[in-house]
Amino acid sequence: MCIRDRSEAKKNYNKAFELDKTDQSIKNELKECSQIEQKVETVGVLMSKQQFSTASSIIEQVLQICEEWRELKVKQIECLASLGQTDHALNIARDLAAEYSNNPDLLYARGLALQYAGNTDNARKLFQEGIRIDPDHSKCKSAFKNCKRVEELKIKGNEAFKEGRNEESIQYYTLALELNPNNKGLNSLLFANRAAAYRKLNKNVEALHDCNKAIECNENYAKAYLRRAEIKKDMGEYDEAIYDYEKVRQLEPNTPNLANIIRQCQQEAQKAKRKDYYKILGVEKNASPEQIKKAYRKLALKWHPDKNNESEEAKAIAEKNFKDISEAYSVLSDPQKKQRYDSGVDDMEGGGFSGGIDPSGIFQMFFSGAGGGADNVFFSSSSNTGDGQSHGGFPGFGSFGGFGGGGFENIFKMAGMGSNIKVNF
């Protein structure tokens, strides 16, 4: 049915049917016309509900039958533009322009496609031309006002942001976003700008949401990836930050200092995958040796497995914590190991920072110093052969003899924990 519109088609078929009411083919064509009418009515309803994807699919079906239906193609342009498929929409508009250039509906649809493609100036010109041809054309009038208002709000938002009025800039960007939710091109920029304002207010959750929305609107928007990467880095999510930085490098290879930033993120990601010894001991990174000793003493006594033996589960938790505490102390109490740890090195000759750590040896060595600890606490089980002799520079620990024959029972006495605790390593 290569007929320009349904009314002309139906009119012709009705005339034919009057001449021969027994012709089944004419009856079939009239039935098809009625079905097409219903589909086009459905398209109008769907478009009014912003359901452009379903509407576009139905239009495609109808155009396979009525391929020259210009009015329906205009609706197709509007749907495609609203779905962000602006290139496709503009191609159809160009095909129609030669014979349909003064139609205000087409001018509106073309303007919409240009606006959503980011060409706001030319979009406004088309809306104005549509109003000139038909001063009462509601869609062109509304779109022209919308274009002007969104641009005003964007400019005010940018000015407020530059002057540090971040809350105010967020309000302007929000209003602009509400005016035209289908303008993916402009909205990607507005979301990214609002994300920057949220970040200035240390609202990373909101900023991250807006970066995601900006990328959803435009998956090739490098600035949104860059902004999201910065937020992810601030949140300690280094692997995800690296992914976004690499995306920026793909989209904008000349972004300044990007290689260094990625390298720094990779180093931080490596650090993040290790145990945080400062967190384990509950001290700051600038903690003094005495503060580190004090933290170890408190936590080692708290989490000693033989002090937490009310159940197998409790003892298992205590053993893990006790091992982590001992490992953290063995590194942070040794200036050389601490320096390597702080610089991001996580590989040591002994098989990593945890290699060769004997929690019981560290505990024993620490409390041998009259209850106050010792300067060198890294102690391996190989240092004690059980013969009471000095091995590896730690004298008198054979069978825990360094504690006057009382073993760990004396340690807990010194710590004020009583002598009724029996410790077995």
Foldseek 3Di string as FASTA:
>chain_A
DQDQDLVVQLVVLVVVCVVPVVDVVSVVSNVVSVVLVVLVVVLVVCVVVVVLVVSLVSLVVSCVVHVNHVVSLLSNLQSCLLQVVLVVSLVSLVVCCVPCVQPLSSLLSNLSSCVLVVNLVVSLVSLVSSCVSPVPPVSSVLVNVLSVQLVVLQVVLVVCVVVVVLVSSLVSLVVSCVSRVSSLNVLLVSLQSNLVSCVVVVNLVSSLVSLVSSCVSPVLDLSSLQSNLVSCVVVLVLVSSLVSLVSSCVNPVPDPPSVVVSVVSVLSNLLVVDDDLCVLLVHDLPDDLLSLLVSLLVLLVVLVLLVQVPDPVRSVVSVVSLLSSQLSSQQCLDVVSSVCSVVSNQQDPQGGSSRQADSVQLVLQQCLPVHHGDSHRRDGPVQEPLPQQGRPNDHRCRVHRSQVPLHCLSSCVSVVNHNPGDDDD
